[in-house]
């Protein structure tokens, strides 16, 4: 009788561990997606910044040539 309860408890623990690992993987994938989205936004901002700096340099060079 005690062995039956022990086996039942161990099976329930195994199921709970499986469910917990599944939930953790689900949360981790959401976190990775959020990080990827933020990285894309940062890349876009850096590209825009680079373009603006290039434009600024062109304008400064043009203004120096006209002097």
PDB file of N, CA and C in Angstrom:
ATOM      1  N   UNK A   1       0.821  -1.194   0.000  1.00  0.00           N
ATOM      2  CA  UNK A   1       0.000   0.000   0.000  1.00  0.00           C
ATOM      3  C   UNK A   1       0.865   1.257   0.000  1.00  0.00           C
ATOM      4  N   UNK A   2       1.890   1.262   0.822  1.00  0.00           N
ATOM      5  CA  UNK A   2       2.765   2.437   0.865  1.00  0.00           C
ATOM      6  C   UNK A   2       3.498   2.633  -0.454  1.00  0.00           C
ATOM      7  N   UNK A   3       3.875   1.513  -1.083  1.00  0.00           N
ATOM      8  CA  UNK A   3       4.562   1.613  -2.373  1.00  0.00           C
ATOM      9  C   UNK A   3       3.659   2.209  -3.449  1.00  0.00           C
ATOM     10  N   UNK A   4       2.354   1.895  -3.371  1.00  0.00           N
ATOM     11  CA  UNK A   4       1.413   2.447  -4.351  1.00  0.00           C
ATOM     12  C   UNK A   4       1.316   3.965  -4.200  1.00  0.00           C
ATOM     13  N   UNK A   5       1.234   4.438  -2.956  1.00  0.00           N
ATOM     14  CA  UNK A   5       1.156   5.876  -2.732  1.00  0.00           C
ATOM     15  C   UNK A   5       2.456   6.565  -3.152  1.00  0.00           C
ATOM     16  N   UNK A   6       3.547   5.934  -2.866  1.00  0.00           N
ATOM     17  CA  UNK A   6       4.841   6.501  -3.257  1.00  0.00           C
ATOM     18  C   UNK A   6       4.949   6.589  -4.769  1.00  0.00           C
ATOM     19  N   UNK A   7       4.519   5.561  -5.471  1.00  0.00           N
ATOM     20  CA  UNK A   7       4.551   5.573  -6.933  1.00  0.00           C
ATOM     21  C   UNK A   7       3.618   6.651  -7.480  1.00  0.00           C
ATOM     22  N   UNK A   8       2.441   6.792  -6.883  1.00  0.00           N
ATOM     23  CA  UNK A   8       1.495   7.821  -7.314  1.00  0.00           C
ATOM     24  C   UNK A   8       2.070   9.216  -7.087  1.00  0.00           C
ATOM     25  N   UNK A   9       2.675   9.432  -5.949  1.00  0.00           N
ATOM     26  CA  UNK A   9       3.270  10.737  -5.642  1.00  0.00           C
ATOM     27  C   UNK A   9       4.420  11.030  -6.606  1.00  0.00           C
ATOM     28  N   UNK A  10       5.235  10.045  -6.892  1.00  0.00           N
ATOM     29  CA  UNK A  10       6.339  10.252  -7.829  1.00  0.00           C
ATOM     30  C   UNK A  10       5.827  10.558  -9.239  1.00  0.00           C
ATOM     31  N   UNK A  11       4.763   9.888  -9.651  1.00  0.00           N
ATOM     32  CA  UNK A  11       4.199  10.180 -10.977  1.00  0.00           C
ATOM     33  C   UNK A  11       3.619  11.590 -11.019  1.00  0.00           C
ATOM     34  N   UNK A  12       2.945  11.987  -9.966  1.00  0.00           N
ATOM     35  CA  UNK A  12       2.401  13.344  -9.919  1.00  0.00           C
ATOM     36  C   UNK A  12       3.518  14.385  -9.935  1.00  0.00           C
ATOM     37  N   UNK A  13       4.594  14.110  -9.230  1.00  0.00           N
ATOM     38  CA  UNK A  13       5.737  15.021  -9.247  1.00  0.00           C
ATOM     39  C   UNK A  13       6.354  15.120 -10.634  1.00  0.00           C
ATOM     40  N   UNK A  14       6.439  13.979 -11.320  1.00  0.00           N
ATOM     41  CA  UNK A  14       6.987  13.982 -12.672  1.00  0.00           C
ATOM     42  C   UNK A  14       6.110  14.813 -13.603  1.00  0.00           C
ATOM     43  N   UNK A  15       4.794  14.676 -13.470  1.00  0.00           N
ATOM     44  CA  UNK A  15       3.876  15.462 -14.303  1.00  0.00           C
ATOM     45  C   UNK A  15       4.011  16.947 -13.979  1.00  0.00           C
ATOM     46  N   UNK A  16       4.093  17.275 -12.711  1.00  0.00           N
ATOM     47  CA  UNK A  16       4.237  18.685 -12.327  1.00  0.00           C
ATOM     48  C   UNK A  16       5.546  19.273 -12.839  1.00  0.00           C
ATOM     49  N   UNK A  17       6.613  18.499 -12.765  1.00  0.00           N
ATOM     50  CA  UNK A  17       7.897  18.977 -13.294  1.00  0.00           C
ATOM     51  C   UNK A  17       7.827  19.199 -14.798  1.00  0.00           C
ATOM     52  N   UNK A  18       7.148  18.301 -15.503  1.00  0.00           N
ATOM     53  CA  UNK A  18       6.987  18.452 -16.946  1.00  0.00           C
ATOM     54  C   UNK A  18       6.211  19.722 -17.265  1.00  0.00           C
ATOM     55  N   UNK A  19       5.114  19.942 -16.549  1.00  0.00           N
ATOM     56  CA  UNK A  19       4.308  21.140 -16.784  1.00  0.00           C
ATOM     57  C   UNK A  19       5.096  22.408 -16.461  1.00  0.00           C
ATOM     58  N   UNK A  20       5.844  22.372 -15.371  1.00  0.00           N
ATOM     59  CA  UNK A  20       6.645  23.539 -15.003  1.00  0.00           C
ATOM     60  C   UNK A  20       7.706  23.827 -16.059  1.00  0.00           C
ATOM     61  N   UNK A  21       8.356  22.786 -16.570  1.00  0.00           N
ATOM     62  CA  UNK A  21       9.367  23.006 -17.600  1.00  0.00           C
ATOM     63  C   UNK A  21       8.734  23.537 -18.881  1.00  0.00           C
ATOM     64  N   UNK A  22       7.548  23.064 -19.223  1.00  0.00           N
ATOM     65  CA  UNK A  22       6.847  23.563 -20.407  1.00  0.00           C
ATOM     66  C   UNK A  22       6.514  25.045 -20.251  1.00  0.00           C
ATOM     67  N   UNK A  23       6.012  25.425 -19.081  1.00  0.00           N
ATOM     68  CA  UNK A  23       5.681  26.836 -18.835  1.00  0.00           C
ATOM     69  C   UNK A  23       6.934  27.707 -18.861  1.00  0.00           C
ATOM     70  N   UNK A  24       8.027  27.206 -18.318  1.00  0.00           N
ATOM     71  CA  UNK A  24       9.272  27.975 -18.325  1.00  0.00           C
ATOM     72  C   UNK A  24       9.779  28.168 -19.745  1.00  0.00           C
ATOM     73  N   UNK A  25       9.669  27.148 -20.583  1.00  0.00           N
ATOM     74  CA  UNK A  25      10.100  27.275 -21.973  1.00  0.00           C
ATOM     75  C   UNK A  25       9.225  28.270 -22.718  1.00  0.00           C
ATOM     76  N   UNK A  26       7.934  28.263 -22.428  1.00  0.00           N
ATOM     77  CA  UNK A  26       7.013  29.196 -23.062  1.00  0.00           C
ATOM     78  C   UNK A  26       7.371  30.632 -22.680  1.00  0.00           C
ATOM     79  N   UNK A  27       7.633  30.868 -21.402  1.00  0.00           N
ATOM     80  CA  UNK A  27       8.024  32.206 -20.948  1.00  0.00           C
ATOM     81  C   UNK A  27       9.364  32.609 -21.549  1.00  0.00           C
ATOM     82  N   UNK A  28      10.279  31.680 -21.631  1.00  0.00           N
ATOM     83  CA  UNK A  28      11.595  31.994 -22.192  1.00  0.00           C
ATOM     84  C   UNK A  28      11.480  32.371 -23.664  1.00  0.00           C
ATOM     85  N   UNK A  29      10.615  31.703 -24.404  1.00  0.00           N
ATOM     86  CA  UNK A  29      10.467  32.044 -25.826  1.00  0.00           C
ATOM     87  C   UNK A  29       9.865  33.431 -25.984  1.00  0.00           C
ATOM     88  N   UNK A  30       8.947  33.806 -25.096  1.00  0.00           N
ATOM     89  CA  UNK A  30       8.386  35.163 -25.147  1.00  0.00           C
ATOM     90  C   UNK A  30       9.462  36.201 -24.846  1.00  0.00           C
ATOM     91  N   UNK A  31      10.307  35.908 -23.894  1.00  0.00           N
ATOM     92  CA  UNK A  31      11.384  36.834 -23.551  1.00  0.00           C
ATOM     93  C   UNK A  31      12.338  36.994 -24.726  1.00  0.00           C
ATOM     94  N   UNK A  32      12.660  35.890 -25.387  1.00  0.00           N
ATOM     95  CA  UNK A  32      13.560  35.945 -26.546  1.00  0.00           C
ATOM     96  C   UNK A  32      12.926  36.763 -27.672  1.00  0.00           C
ATOM     97  N   UNK A  33      11.634  36.600 -27.889  1.00  0.00           N
ATOM     98  CA  UNK A  33      10.947  37.387 -28.925  1.00  0.00           C
ATOM     99  C   UNK A  33      11.001  38.872 -28.584  1.00  0.00           C
ATOM    100  N   UNK A  34      10.764  39.209 -27.318  1.00  0.00           N
ATOM    101  CA  UNK A  34      10.829  40.610 -26.908  1.00  0.00           C
ATOM    102  C   UNK A  34      12.227  41.187 -27.119  1.00  0.00           C
ATOM    103  N   UNK A  35      13.233  40.416 -26.787  1.00  0.00           N
ATOM    104  CA  UNK A  35      14.617  40.879 -26.970  1.00  0.00           C
ATOM    105  C   UNK A  35      14.915  41.075 -28.447  1.00  0.00           C
ATOM    106  N   UNK A  36      14.444  40.162 -29.287  1.00  0.00           N
ATOM    107  CA  UNK A  36      14.656  40.303 -30.737  1.00  0.00           C
ATOM    108  C   UNK A  36      13.989  41.572 -31.268  1.00  0.00           C
ATOM    109  N   UNK A  37      12.760  41.846 -30.803  1.00  0.00           N
ATOM    110  CA  UNK A  37      12.064  43.055 -31.245  1.00  0.00           C
ATOM    111  C   UNK A  37      12.822  44.307 -30.806  1.00  0.00           C
ATOM    112  N   UNK A  38      13.310  44.313 -29.583  1.00  0.00           N
ATOM    113  CA  UNK A  38      14.066  45.472 -29.091  1.00  0.00           C
ATOM    114  C   UNK A  38      15.357  45.642 -29.872  1.00  0.00           C
ATOM    115  N   UNK A  39      16.014  44.537 -30.201  1.00  0.00           N
ATOM    116  CA  UNK A  39      17.246  44.621 -30.984  1.00  0.00           C
ATOM    117  C   UNK A  39      16.978  45.189 -32.373  1.00  0.00           C
ATOM    118  N   UNK A  40      15.849  44.801 -32.977  1.00  0.00           N
ATOM    119  CA  UNK A  40      15.495  45.346 -34.291  1.00  0.00           C
ATOM    120  C   UNK A  40      15.259  46.854 -34.193  1.00  0.00           C
ATOM    121  N   UNK A  41      14.553  47.273 -33.137  1.00  0.00           N
ATOM    122  CA  UNK A  41      14.309  48.706 -32.960  1.00  0.00           C
ATOM    123  C   UNK A  41      15.613  49.472 -32.763  1.00  0.00           C
ATOM    124  N   UNK A  42      16.502  48.903 -31.982  1.00  0.00           N
ATOM    125  CA  UNK A  42      17.800  49.550 -31.755  1.00  0.00           C
ATOM    126  C   UNK A  42      18.585  49.630 -33.050  1.00  0.00           C
ATOM    127  N   UNK A  43      18.571  48.570 -33.839  1.00  0.00           N
ATOM    128  CA  UNK A  43      19.266  48.586 -35.130  1.00  0.00           C
ATOM    129  C   UNK A  43      18.698  49.666 -36.043  1.00  0.00           C
ATOM    130  N   UNK A  44      17.363  49.777 -36.067  1.00  0.00           N
ATOM    131  CA  UNK A  44      16.741  50.818 -36.892  1.00  0.00           C
ATOM    132  C   UNK A  44      17.155  52.205 -36.430  1.00  0.00           C
ATOM    133  N   UNK A  45      17.167  52.418 -35.131  1.00  0.00           N
ATOM    134  CA  UNK A  45      17.562  53.725 -34.604  1.00  0.00           C
ATOM    135  C   UNK A  45      19.023  54.032 -34.916  1.00  0.00           C
ATOM    136  N   UNK A  46      19.879  53.032 -34.816  1.00  0.00           N
ATOM    137  CA  UNK A  46      21.288  53.246 -35.133  1.00  0.00           C
ATOM    138  C   UNK A  46      21.477  53.553 -36.613  1.00  0.00           C
ATOM    139  N   UNK A  47      20.704  52.893 -37.472  1.00  0.00           N
ATOM    140  CA  UNK A  47      20.772  53.187 -38.904  1.00  0.00           C
ATOM    141  C   UNK A  47      20.340  54.622 -39.191  1.00  0.00           C
ATOM    142  N   UNK A  48      19.242  55.036 -38.560  1.00  0.00           N
ATOM    143  CA  UNK A  48      18.770  56.418 -38.753  1.00  0.00           C
ATOM    144  C   UNK A  48      19.798  57.415 -38.247  1.00  0.00           C
ATOM    145  N   UNK A  49      20.398  57.107 -37.109  1.00  0.00           N
ATOM    146  CA  UNK A  49      21.419  57.997 -36.544  1.00  0.00           C
ATOM    147  C   UNK A  49      22.609  58.109 -37.492  1.00  0.00           C
ATOM    148  N   UNK A  50      23.024  56.980 -38.055  1.00  0.00           N
ATOM    149  CA  UNK A  50      24.141  56.983 -38.986  1.00  0.00           C
ATOM    150  C   UNK A  50      23.816  57.831 -40.216  1.00  0.00           C
ATOM    151  N   UNK A  51      22.603  57.680 -40.744  1.00  0.00           N
ATOM    152  CA  UNK A  51      22.202  58.477 -41.908  1.00  0.00           C
ATOM    153  C   UNK A  51      22.188  59.961 -41.578  1.00  0.00           C
ATOM    154  N   UNK A  52      21.678  60.295 -40.397  1.00  0.00           N
ATOM    155  CA  UNK A  52      21.637  61.706 -40.005  1.00  0.00           C
ATOM    156  C   UNK A  52      23.044  62.277 -39.824  1.00  0.00           C
ATOM    157  N   UNK A  53      23.928  61.485 -39.267  1.00  0.00           N
ATOM    158  CA  UNK A  53      25.315  61.955 -39.104  1.00  0.00           C
ATOM    159  C   UNK A  53      25.987  62.139 -40.460  1.00  0.00           C
ATOM    160  N   UNK A  54      25.691  61.246 -41.398  1.00  0.00           N
ATOM    161  CA  UNK A  54      26.236  61.403 -42.756  1.00  0.00           C
ATOM    162  C   UNK A  54      25.702  62.671 -43.412  1.00  0.00           C
ATOM    163  N   UNK A  55      24.405  62.918 -43.242  1.00  0.00           N
ATOM    164  CA  UNK A  55      23.814  64.134 -43.796  1.00  0.00           C
ATOM    165  C   UNK A  55      24.441  65.378 -43.177  1.00  0.00           C
ATOM    166  N   UNK A  56      24.623  65.332 -41.870  1.00  0.00           N
ATOM    167  CA  UNK A  56      25.223  66.468 -41.168  1.00  0.00           C
ATOM    168  C   UNK A  56      26.629  66.738 -41.707  1.00  0.00           C
ATOM    169  N   UNK A  57      27.398  65.683 -41.905  1.00  0.00           N
ATOM    170  CA  UNK A  57      28.762  65.839 -42.412  1.00  0.00           C
ATOM    171  C   UNK A  57      28.756  66.415 -43.828  1.00  0.00           C
ATOM    172  N   UNK A  58      27.817  65.949 -44.662  1.00  0.00           N
ATOM    173  CA  UNK A  58      27.714  66.492 -46.016  1.00  0.00           C
ATOM    174  C   UNK A  58      27.394  67.982 -45.978  1.00  0.00           C
ATOM    175  N   UNK A  59      26.462  68.355 -45.125  1.00  0.00           N
ATOM    176  CA  UNK A  59      26.065  69.764 -45.017  1.00  0.00           C
ATOM    177  C   UNK A  59      27.237  70.606 -44.540  1.00  0.00           C
ATOM    178  N   UNK A  60      27.967  70.098 -43.543  1.00  0.00           N
ATOM    179  CA  UNK A  60      29.125  70.844 -43.048  1.00  0.00           C
ATOM    180  C   UNK A  60      30.193  70.979 -44.126  1.00  0.00           C
ATOM    181  N   UNK A  61      30.421  69.919 -44.876  1.00  0.00           N
ATOM    182  CA  UNK A  61      31.411  69.969 -45.955  1.00  0.00           C
ATOM    183  C   UNK A  61      30.982  70.951 -47.040  1.00  0.00           C
ATOM    184  N   UNK A  62      29.682  70.942 -47.369  1.00  0.00           N
ATOM    185  CA  UNK A  62      29.175  71.879 -48.381  1.00  0.00           C
ATOM    186  C   UNK A  62      29.302  73.321 -47.922  1.00  0.00           C
ATOM    187  N   UNK A  63      29.014  73.548 -46.639  1.00  0.00           N
ATOM    188  CA  UNK A  63      29.109  74.922 -46.136  1.00  0.00           C
ATOM    189  C   UNK A  63      30.564  75.404 -46.090  1.00  0.00           C
ATOM    190  N   UNK A  64      31.493  74.499 -45.826  1.00  0.00           N
ATOM    191  CA  UNK A  64      32.912  74.873 -45.811  1.00  0.00           C
ATOM    192  C   UNK A  64      33.413  75.152 -47.231  1.00  0.00           C
ATOM    193  N   UNK A  65      32.893  74.423 -48.206  1.00  0.00           N
ATOM    194  CA  UNK A  65      33.307  74.632 -49.595  1.00  0.00           C
ATOM    195  C   UNK A  65      32.812  75.982 -50.125  1.00  0.00           C
ATOM    196  N   UNK A  66      31.658  76.428 -49.647  1.00  0.00           N
ATOM    197  CA  UNK A  66      31.086  77.683 -50.119  1.00  0.00           C
ATOM    198  C   UNK A  66      31.763  78.894 -49.489  1.00  0.00           C
ATOM    199  N   UNK A  67      32.524  78.695 -48.450  1.00  0.00           N
ATOM    200  CA  UNK A  67      33.192  79.833 -47.787  1.00  0.00           C
ATOM    201  C   UNK A  67      34.363  80.333 -48.563  1.00  0.00           C
TER     202      UNK A  67
END
